[in-house]
Amino acid sequence: MKLNKIHHIAIICSNYERSKKFYVNILGLDIIKEVYRKDRESYKLDLGVSGNYQIELFSFKQSPKRPSYPEARGLRHLAFEVDNIDEGIKELNDKNVLTEDIRIDEITGKRFTFFSDPDDLPIELYEK
C-alpha cells in the first residue's frame, strides 16, 4: 500500500458554535463546507489548513468526554507547524488562549508548546 498523505483529521466537539469560532476565528482555518445532517442532528464542518490538509469538525448530541490526562493509549494530540513559535504564542495569547511554556524537542532541538481547544483537546505548535 502506498499512502500519499493524511486526508483529514476528525474532531468531535461538545459545543459546535464555540468550537467553530475557535478553529475559524482563533486558529484561522478556512471553512470549506458546512453541512447540517438532520438525520443525525449533527453538524459537519470541513476546515482547510493552508490549503493542504482538512479537519472535519463534528457535533453529536451526548458525545462522551475523552480523558486527556493522564495520557492514555490512542491518538494523543493535533500538531501544527509554524515558522515562528513566538509569534504564534503571542497571537494565541492576544486572543486569550493560554499556552504552556516553550519546550525543546530533545531529538530535533526544535521548539514547541501546547494549548487546548474548547474541549481540552491538546494542540501543539511546533516550530519549523
Foldseek 3Di string as FASTA:
>chain_A
DDDDDDAEAEDEDADVVQLVCCVCVQVNWAWPDWDQDVVQRKIWTWTHDVNPYIYIYMYGPPDDQDDQPPPDDDDRAAEDEDADVVVSQVSNVVVVWDKDDWDADPVPRWIKIWTAGPSRGIYMYTHD
